Amino acid sequence: MRFTESVWRPSGSALSFGPDLEGNRLFDVVVIGGGILGLSTALHAARSGLSVQVLEARLIGEGASGLNGGQVIPGLKYDPDWLLEHFGPEAGKALVRFAASTADSVFDLIANERLAVPFTRNGWIQAAHTQTALKNAEARDRQWRLRGADVRLLDSAGIAALTGTSGYLGGWLDRRAGVIDPLSFTTELARIAAAARVGIAEQQQATKLRQEGGAWRISTSSGVELKATSVVVATNAYSDGLVPGLARTIVPLHSFQIATAVLPAGIASAILPEGQAVSDSRRILVYYRKTPDGRFILGGRGRMSLPRHEGDWAHLRHAMVRLYPFLAGIPIEKRWFGRVAVTPDHLPHIHSPEPGLIAVVGCQGRGVGLMTSLGKHLADHLLTGDPASLPFPLTPIRPIPFHAFRQLGVAAAITWYRTLDALER
């Protein structure tokens, strides 16, 4: 059984891209990684007049961009006051504006380009199951309301009405957010990028980078060598040794998901009746939503190693039944997983270790909106060379000390936190 076959479907207009490459041609930009960030960067760079080639080691949509839960959440892990304190008044204010706009980037692109992407924009709920989480929600609500965001604090009755489950003390509703079919979105991004004359090559892995004669030379798994003025490495959690030290700046985690069979109408209407997505406040959080055809999807952290059997998703079924006991008899039809990248400070990192080379890592679980929006800023930076066009500062590559042991520690922490969450119920 393949555990990368999700419930999502590519758009009807999705194209298939062969591995063919035109060697020895000098491109303005070669983008390594055909996920949301790579395709968004390529699209905006091409529309600015740059010649662009995308290299994707797999097929478009086979990585986390096409396998995630499709939640489009604005903001970052940190609230506006924290960003202002840590980045200063000017940079912090710009970063708050960027964070507030990331969901708009997705939904505006869908609308303006008429993308064949199923979506609902009724908001996202952050559910609080402890008093501490509720106080955090109150602070978040206050900070974003001061900045004019369409947000609302929920009491226990309000969140029960919106989720269809009891047990939460309250929560926070961000109406700027929504849900999409992430595979359709990724394949549609590839379609409009190709229409903008971006070259896209699937099953072409970049194996080596080197500078020579003022240009970058990119070796590929097929033996074809490309040349480029600039290179963007947009491999995130799938980063390897292509850029020295990059893979050791992140902790890659697996996000597991399950999808039920199509729910009977009476059951479907009782769950998330207004179509919001939810993330809870547990240490090892779960997130959930419904699909347009009436399935229930729930996701959360899985084992650090690759899954081996259906039992590796048992914790998600347990969480589903804990939330909605009446789903106990509903079969699970799909199980899949994708890889996400977490940085030690829980912020995206933009690196430029050498002139003409840019690498980005760290979606922190909010990659759909974050990477769509960041692609436009990266394209502007490629065009102007101005670091001020980037929402985050350029930082040196700093590998995590004892990286292998850090991953083992994360695995142990996940097990321990899951135990604490179970005790809190």
Protein backbone atom coordinates (compact mmCIF):
# COMPACT_ATOMS: atom_id res chain seq x y z
CA MET A 1 0.00 0.00 0.00
CA ARG A 2 1.27 3.45 -0.91
CA PHE A 3 1.00 6.03 1.83
CA THR A 4 1.40 9.04 -0.46
CA GLU A 5 -2.00 8.59 -2.15
CA SER A 6 -4.03 11.29 -0.48
CA VAL A 7 -7.67 12.23 -0.82
CA TRP A 8 -6.68 15.20 -2.98
CA ARG A 9 -6.96 15.25 -6.75
CA PRO A 10 -5.03 17.35 -9.27
CA SER A 11 -7.03 19.89 -11.24
CA GLY A 12 -8.60 18.72 -14.48
CA SER A 13 -6.23 21.00 -16.39
CA ALA A 14 -3.08 19.65 -14.69
CA LEU A 15 -0.20 19.03 -17.06
CA SER A 16 2.45 16.36 -17.06
CA PHE A 17 6.01 17.63 -17.36
CA GLY A 18 8.72 15.45 -18.79
CA PRO A 19 12.32 15.31 -17.64
CA ASP A 20 13.68 16.92 -20.83
CA LEU A 21 16.15 19.75 -20.31
CA GLU A 22 17.96 22.13 -22.61
CA GLY A 23 21.60 21.91 -21.54
CA ASN A 24 24.22 24.66 -21.67
CA ARG A 25 21.64 27.41 -21.93
CA LEU A 26 22.10 30.33 -19.54
CA PHE A 27 18.93 30.98 -17.54
CA ASP A 28 18.35 34.00 -15.40
CA VAL A 29 17.04 31.72 -12.64
CA VAL A 30 17.04 28.00 -11.94
CA VAL A 31 14.61 27.04 -9.19
CA ILE A 32 15.29 23.75 -7.42
CA GLY A 33 12.05 22.33 -6.02
CA GLY A 34 8.66 22.35 -7.71
CA GLY A 35 6.48 22.89 -4.66
CA ILE A 36 4.44 25.97 -3.82
CA LEU A 37 7.45 28.17 -3.04
CA GLY A 38 9.41 27.14 -6.12
CA LEU A 39 6.46 27.51 -8.48
CA SER A 40 5.31 30.82 -6.99
CA THR A 41 8.84 32.22 -7.28
CA ALA A 42 9.18 30.93 -10.85
CA LEU A 43 5.80 32.35 -11.90
CA HIS A 44 6.47 35.87 -10.61
CA ALA A 45 10.06 35.88 -11.86
CA ALA A 46 8.96 34.85 -15.36
CA ARG A 47 6.24 37.49 -15.42
CA SER A 48 8.92 40.04 -14.53
CA GLY A 49 10.79 39.08 -17.70
CA LEU A 50 13.32 36.59 -16.33
CA SER A 51 14.04 33.24 -17.98
CA VAL A 52 13.31 30.47 -15.47
CA GLN A 53 13.79 26.71 -15.26
CA VAL A 54 12.30 24.60 -12.42
CA LEU A 55 13.83 21.26 -11.43
CA GLU A 56 11.60 18.86 -9.47
CA ALA A 57 13.15 15.62 -8.21
CA ARG A 58 9.75 13.88 -8.08
CA LEU A 59 6.46 14.75 -9.75
CA ILE A 60 4.71 18.07 -9.20
CA GLY A 61 2.57 17.74 -6.08
CA GLU A 62 4.24 14.60 -4.72
CA GLY A 63 5.93 16.47 -1.89
CA ALA A 64 4.37 18.26 1.06
CA SER A 65 2.91 21.02 -1.16
CA GLY A 66 0.40 18.54 -2.57
CA LEU A 67 0.04 16.37 0.53
CA ASN A 68 -0.70 18.88 3.30
CA GLY A 69 -4.05 19.54 4.95
CA GLY A 70 -4.88 22.51 2.74
CA GLN A 71 -5.30 24.97 5.61
CA VAL A 72 -4.55 28.52 4.49
CA ILE A 73 -3.66 30.37 7.69
CA PRO A 74 -2.36 33.95 7.81
CA GLY A 75 0.21 35.02 10.34
CA LEU A 76 3.20 33.27 11.84
CA LYS A 77 3.70 31.24 14.99
CA TYR A 78 4.34 34.55 16.76
CA ASP A 79 1.91 37.40 17.37
CA PRO A 80 2.42 41.04 16.27
CA ASP A 81 3.77 42.35 19.58
CA TRP A 82 6.48 39.68 19.63
CA LEU A 83 7.48 40.45 16.04
CA LEU A 84 7.77 44.17 16.81
CA GLU A 85 9.84 43.48 19.91
CA HIS A 86 12.27 41.09 18.21
CA PHE A 87 12.63 42.73 14.79
CA GLY A 88 12.31 46.39 15.77
CA PRO A 89 9.63 48.96 14.91
CA GLU A 90 10.30 49.27 11.17
CA ALA A 91 11.15 45.68 10.20
CA GLY A 92 8.63 44.32 12.70
CA LYS A 93 5.80 46.41 11.29
CA ALA A 94 6.65 45.26 7.75
CA LEU A 95 6.72 41.66 8.91
CA VAL A 96 3.32 42.01 10.60
CA ARG A 97 1.90 43.36 7.33
CA PHE A 98 3.42 40.46 5.43
CA ALA A 99 2.09 37.91 7.92
CA ALA A 100 -1.38 39.41 7.71
CA SER A 101 -1.42 39.15 3.91
CA THR A 102 -0.37 35.54 3.30
CA ALA A 103 -3.87 34.07 3.06
CA ASP A 104 -4.90 36.89 0.72
CA SER A 105 -2.04 35.88 -1.58
CA VAL A 106 -3.57 32.44 -2.04
CA PHE A 107 -7.21 33.39 -2.44
CA ASP A 108 -6.44 36.41 -4.64
CA LEU A 109 -4.34 34.19 -6.92
CA ILE A 110 -7.15 31.64 -7.18
CA ALA A 111 -9.67 34.38 -8.03
CA ASN A 112 -7.52 36.50 -10.34
CA GLU A 113 -6.10 33.57 -12.31
CA ARG A 114 -9.37 31.60 -12.24
CA LEU A 115 -7.57 28.56 -10.91
CA ALA A 116 -9.48 25.26 -10.83
CA VAL A 117 -9.00 24.89 -7.08
CA PRO A 118 -11.83 23.92 -4.69
CA PHE A 119 -11.78 26.26 -1.69
CA THR A 120 -13.81 27.63 1.21
CA ARG A 121 -12.92 30.89 2.94
CA ASN A 122 -14.90 30.91 6.16
CA GLY A 123 -11.97 31.07 8.54
CA TRP A 124 -9.76 28.96 10.79
CA ILE A 125 -10.34 28.12 14.44
CA GLN A 126 -7.58 27.77 17.00
CA ALA A 127 -9.22 25.68 19.70
CA ALA A 128 -8.19 26.07 23.36
CA HIS A 129 -8.47 23.11 25.71
CA THR A 130 -6.66 24.70 28.70
CA GLN A 131 -6.86 28.04 30.50
CA THR A 132 -3.32 28.87 29.38
CA ALA A 133 -4.27 28.33 25.75
CA LEU A 134 -7.38 30.47 26.23
CA LYS A 135 -5.31 33.33 27.66
CA ASN A 136 -2.98 33.08 24.67
CA ALA A 137 -6.00 33.27 22.37
CA GLU A 138 -7.22 36.38 24.19
CA ALA A 139 -3.83 38.07 23.70
CA ARG A 140 -3.72 37.07 20.03
CA ASP A 141 -7.24 38.34 19.47
CA ARG A 142 -6.46 41.70 21.09
CA GLN A 143 -3.31 42.24 19.05
CA TRP A 144 -4.85 41.41 15.69
CA ARG A 145 -8.11 43.30 16.35
CA LEU A 146 -6.04 46.44 17.03
CA ARG A 147 -4.69 46.03 13.51
CA GLY A 148 -8.11 45.69 11.91
CA ALA A 149 -8.10 41.92 11.34
CA ASP A 150 -11.42 40.11 10.97
CA VAL A 151 -11.03 37.91 14.05
CA ARG A 152 -13.23 36.90 16.97
CA LEU A 153 -12.74 35.32 20.37
CA LEU A 154 -14.95 32.27 21.00
CA ASP A 155 -16.38 31.12 24.31
CA SER A 156 -17.15 27.46 25.04
CA ALA A 157 -20.63 27.68 23.55
CA GLY A 158 -19.40 29.51 20.46
CA ILE A 159 -16.67 27.03 19.66
CA ALA A 160 -18.98 24.08 20.32
CA ALA A 161 -21.44 25.50 17.80
CA LEU A 162 -18.76 25.98 15.12
CA THR A 163 -16.95 22.67 15.62
CA GLY A 164 -19.77 20.34 16.62
CA THR A 165 -17.72 18.94 19.49
CA SER A 166 -17.54 19.69 23.20
CA GLY A 167 -14.59 19.90 25.54
CA TYR A 168 -12.93 23.12 24.39
CA LEU A 169 -12.90 26.05 26.81
CA GLY A 170 -13.02 28.49 23.94
CA GLY A 171 -10.88 29.54 21.04
CA TRP A 172 -10.12 32.05 18.34
CA LEU A 173 -11.66 32.47 14.90
CA ASP A 174 -9.59 34.09 12.15
CA ARG A 175 -11.93 34.81 9.24
CA ARG A 176 -9.04 35.74 6.95
CA ALA A 177 -8.21 32.04 6.67
CA GLY A 178 -9.73 29.17 4.73
CA VAL A 179 -9.15 25.79 3.14
CA ILE A 180 -8.17 24.62 -0.34
CA ASP A 181 -7.37 21.43 -2.19
CA PRO A 182 -3.56 21.71 -1.97
CA LEU A 183 -2.79 19.31 -4.82
CA SER A 184 -5.06 21.21 -7.20
CA PHE A 185 -3.45 24.45 -6.09
CA THR A 186 0.07 23.14 -6.69
CA THR A 187 -0.72 21.69 -10.10
CA GLU A 188 -2.55 24.85 -11.13
CA LEU A 189 0.47 26.90 -10.07
CA ALA A 190 2.56 24.71 -12.37
CA ARG A 191 0.08 25.22 -15.20
CA ILE A 192 0.11 29.02 -15.08
CA ALA A 193 3.88 29.06 -14.54
CA ALA A 194 4.32 26.97 -17.70
CA ALA A 195 1.98 29.35 -19.52
CA ALA A 196 4.31 32.17 -18.41
CA ARG A 197 7.13 30.28 -20.21
CA VAL A 198 8.68 28.72 -17.14
CA GLY A 199 10.47 25.49 -18.01
CA ILE A 200 9.42 22.70 -15.63
CA ALA A 201 11.23 19.37 -15.54
CA GLU A 202 9.95 16.57 -13.33
CA GLN A 203 12.06 13.67 -12.08
CA GLN A 204 15.16 15.81 -12.46
CA GLN A 205 17.18 16.09 -9.29
CA ALA A 206 19.84 18.76 -8.90
CA THR A 207 22.95 16.88 -7.78
CA LYS A 208 25.64 19.56 -7.64
CA LEU A 209 26.04 23.33 -7.62
CA ARG A 210 29.19 25.22 -8.45
CA GLN A 211 30.15 28.70 -9.58
CA GLU A 212 32.19 29.08 -12.73
CA GLY A 213 32.84 32.09 -14.90
CA GLY A 214 30.38 34.32 -13.08
CA ALA A 215 27.49 31.87 -13.42
CA TRP A 216 26.12 28.91 -11.51
CA ARG A 217 26.41 25.44 -13.01
CA ILE A 218 23.74 22.97 -11.93
CA SER A 219 24.37 19.27 -12.50
CA THR A 220 21.30 17.05 -12.73
CA SER A 221 20.51 13.37 -12.23
CA SER A 222 20.10 12.91 -15.99
CA GLY A 223 23.61 14.20 -16.68
CA VAL A 224 22.41 17.46 -18.25
CA GLU A 225 24.13 20.57 -16.90
CA LEU A 226 22.36 23.91 -16.67
CA LYS A 227 23.75 27.41 -16.23
CA ALA A 228 22.08 30.24 -14.35
CA THR A 229 22.78 33.71 -13.07
CA SER A 230 20.81 32.92 -9.90
CA VAL A 231 19.69 29.74 -8.15
CA VAL A 232 16.79 29.42 -5.71
CA VAL A 233 16.78 26.29 -3.55
CA ALA A 234 13.16 25.70 -2.52
CA THR A 235 13.42 22.16 -1.20
CA ASN A 236 12.50 22.93 2.44
CA ALA A 237 12.00 19.67 4.39
CA TYR A 238 13.35 17.66 1.44
CA SER A 239 16.69 19.47 1.51
CA ASP A 240 19.77 17.27 1.15
CA GLY A 241 23.48 17.99 0.82
CA LEU A 242 23.15 20.21 -2.26
CA VAL A 243 23.75 23.35 -0.18
CA PRO A 244 26.33 22.52 2.52
CA GLY A 245 24.83 22.59 6.00
CA LEU A 246 21.30 23.53 4.90
CA ALA A 247 19.62 20.23 5.78
CA ARG A 248 21.12 20.43 9.28
CA THR A 249 19.42 23.78 10.00
CA ILE A 250 15.98 22.15 10.20
CA VAL A 251 14.28 19.26 11.91
CA PRO A 252 12.14 17.43 9.34
CA LEU A 253 8.92 16.00 10.79
CA HIS A 254 6.25 13.81 9.27
CA SER A 255 2.69 15.07 9.25
CA PHE A 256 0.26 12.13 9.03
CA GLN A 257 -3.34 12.45 7.85
CA ILE A 258 -6.44 10.31 7.57
CA ALA A 259 -9.63 10.80 5.57
CA THR A 260 -12.92 9.06 6.21
CA ALA A 261 -15.37 7.76 3.69
CA VAL A 262 -17.94 10.32 2.54
CA LEU A 263 -20.05 11.03 5.60
CA PRO A 264 -23.81 10.56 5.66
CA ALA A 265 -25.53 13.93 5.29
CA GLY A 266 -26.82 14.01 8.87
CA ILE A 267 -23.37 13.36 10.32
CA ALA A 268 -21.57 15.72 7.94
CA SER A 269 -23.87 18.61 8.86
CA ALA A 270 -23.08 18.15 12.56
CA ILE A 271 -19.32 18.58 12.06
CA LEU A 272 -17.88 22.03 11.29
CA PRO A 273 -21.25 23.25 9.93
CA GLU A 274 -19.78 26.52 8.57
CA GLY A 275 -16.77 24.85 6.93
CA GLN A 276 -13.91 26.20 9.04
CA ALA A 277 -10.67 24.35 9.63
CA VAL A 278 -9.46 23.72 13.19
CA SER A 279 -6.09 23.37 14.89
CA ASP A 280 -6.12 22.59 18.59
CA SER A 281 -3.84 23.80 21.37
CA ARG A 282 -2.34 20.49 22.43
CA ARG A 283 1.41 20.06 22.64
CA ILE A 284 1.16 17.61 19.74
CA LEU A 285 -1.69 19.32 18.01
CA VAL A 286 -4.20 17.81 15.64
CA TYR A 287 -5.85 19.71 12.81
CA TYR A 288 -9.01 18.87 10.95
CA ARG A 289 -11.53 19.95 8.32
CA LYS A 290 -14.09 18.62 5.87
CA THR A 291 -13.64 18.18 2.13
CA PRO A 292 -16.10 19.52 -0.47
CA ASP A 293 -17.47 16.00 -1.01
CA GLY A 294 -18.15 15.51 2.71
CA ARG A 295 -15.20 13.55 4.06
CA PHE A 296 -13.60 14.31 7.40
CA ILE A 297 -9.83 14.81 7.42
CA LEU A 298 -7.65 14.88 10.52
CA GLY A 299 -3.89 15.23 10.72
CA GLY A 300 -1.08 15.43 13.23
CA ARG A 301 2.50 14.44 13.93
CA GLY A 302 3.49 10.89 13.06
CA ARG A 303 6.54 8.73 13.57
CA MET A 304 9.91 10.22 12.62
CA SER A 305 10.75 7.29 10.35
CA LEU A 306 8.73 6.26 7.33
CA PRO A 307 5.40 4.56 8.08
CA ARG A 308 5.26 0.80 7.65
CA HIS A 309 1.63 -0.17 8.18
CA GLU A 310 -1.83 1.26 8.82
CA GLY A 311 -1.29 1.05 12.57
CA ASP A 312 1.05 4.03 12.34
CA TRP A 313 -2.09 6.16 11.91
CA ALA A 314 -3.94 4.67 14.90
CA HIS A 315 -3.31 7.75 17.08
CA LEU A 316 -5.17 9.90 14.56
CA ARG A 317 -8.23 7.65 14.52
CA HIS A 318 -8.18 7.75 18.33
CA ALA A 319 -8.11 11.58 18.23
CA MET A 320 -10.96 11.63 15.71
CA VAL A 321 -13.20 9.46 17.90
CA ARG A 322 -12.26 11.46 20.99
CA LEU A 323 -13.52 14.59 19.23
CA TYR A 324 -16.51 13.00 17.51
CA PRO A 325 -17.52 9.68 19.13
CA PHE A 326 -20.25 9.17 16.51
CA LEU A 327 -17.50 8.71 13.87
CA ALA A 328 -16.32 5.46 15.50
CA GLY A 329 -18.07 3.32 12.90
CA ILE A 330 -17.04 5.39 9.87
CA PRO A 331 -14.28 3.71 7.83
CA ILE A 332 -10.96 5.41 7.12
CA GLU A 333 -10.38 5.28 3.36
CA LYS A 334 -7.11 7.18 2.98
CA ARG A 335 -3.92 7.44 5.01
CA TRP A 336 -0.99 9.56 3.88
CA PHE A 337 1.87 11.69 5.11
CA GLY A 338 4.13 14.53 4.06
CA ARG A 339 7.29 16.07 5.42
CA VAL A 340 7.44 19.48 7.10
CA ALA A 341 10.44 21.49 8.24
CA VAL A 342 10.74 23.12 11.66
CA THR A 343 13.49 25.56 12.57
CA PRO A 344 14.73 26.03 16.16
CA ASP A 345 13.23 29.52 16.38
CA HIS A 346 10.00 28.55 14.54
CA LEU A 347 10.56 31.20 11.86
CA PRO A 348 11.25 30.81 8.13
CA HIS A 349 14.91 31.25 7.26
CA ILE A 350 16.24 32.85 4.08
CA HIS A 351 19.91 32.25 3.33
CA SER A 352 22.23 33.58 0.67
CA PRO A 353 25.51 31.74 1.37
CA GLU A 354 27.05 32.93 -1.91
CA PRO A 355 26.14 35.64 -4.42
CA GLY A 356 23.33 34.50 -6.67
CA LEU A 357 22.30 31.61 -4.41
CA ILE A 358 19.20 31.77 -2.20
CA ALA A 359 17.78 28.98 -0.04
CA VAL A 360 14.57 29.04 2.01
CA VAL A 361 13.54 26.61 4.74
CA GLY A 362 11.01 26.45 7.56
CA CYS A 363 7.30 26.53 6.76
CA GLN A 364 6.39 25.66 10.36
CA GLY A 365 3.14 24.07 9.19
CA ARG A 366 1.80 27.23 7.52
CA GLY A 367 3.39 26.72 4.16
CA VAL A 368 0.43 27.24 1.80
CA GLY A 369 -0.05 30.93 2.48
CA LEU A 370 3.48 31.66 3.63
CA MET A 371 5.26 30.15 0.62
CA THR A 372 2.78 31.50 -1.93
CA SER A 373 3.35 35.02 -0.64
CA LEU A 374 7.08 34.61 -0.15
CA GLY A 375 7.50 33.55 -3.80
CA LYS A 376 6.52 37.03 -4.99
CA HIS A 377 9.04 38.63 -2.64
CA LEU A 378 11.80 36.27 -3.76
CA ALA A 379 11.08 37.13 -7.39
CA ASP A 380 11.32 40.84 -6.56
CA HIS A 381 14.65 40.20 -4.84
CA LEU A 382 15.97 38.31 -7.87
CA LEU A 383 15.00 41.23 -10.07
CA THR A 384 16.38 44.04 -7.90
CA GLY A 385 18.95 42.41 -5.61
CA ASP A 386 17.52 44.50 -2.77
CA PRO A 387 17.35 42.60 0.57
CA ALA A 388 14.64 45.04 1.67
CA SER A 389 12.27 43.30 -0.75
CA LEU A 390 12.35 40.24 1.51
CA PRO A 391 10.05 40.08 4.55
CA PHE A 392 12.66 38.18 6.61
CA PRO A 393 16.32 39.14 6.97
CA LEU A 394 19.00 37.16 5.18
CA THR A 395 20.77 35.02 7.77
CA PRO A 396 23.85 32.77 7.70
CA ILE A 397 23.42 29.01 7.52
CA ARG A 398 23.86 27.77 11.08
CA PRO A 399 23.55 23.98 11.36
CA ILE A 400 21.91 22.75 14.54
CA PRO A 401 24.61 21.38 16.91
CA PHE A 402 24.45 17.59 17.26
CA HIS A 403 21.74 17.52 14.60
CA ALA A 404 21.25 13.74 14.61
CA PHE A 405 20.79 13.74 18.37
CA ARG A 406 18.37 16.66 18.09
CA GLN A 407 16.14 14.53 15.87
CA LEU A 408 16.21 11.70 18.41
CA GLY A 409 15.34 14.19 21.12
CA VAL A 410 12.39 15.50 19.12
CA ALA A 411 11.09 11.96 18.67
CA ALA A 412 11.31 11.37 22.43
CA ALA A 413 9.64 14.72 23.15
CA ILE A 414 6.75 13.89 20.80
CA THR A 415 6.13 10.65 22.68
CA TRP A 416 6.23 12.41 26.05
CA TYR A 417 4.03 15.33 24.96
CA ARG A 418 1.50 12.91 23.48
CA THR A 419 1.32 11.19 26.87
CA LEU A 420 0.72 14.51 28.65
CA ASP A 421 -1.97 15.45 26.11
CA ALA A 422 -3.71 12.12 26.71
CA LEU A 423 -3.75 12.77 30.47
CA GLU A 424 -5.29 16.22 29.94
CA ARG A 425 -7.82 14.84 27.46
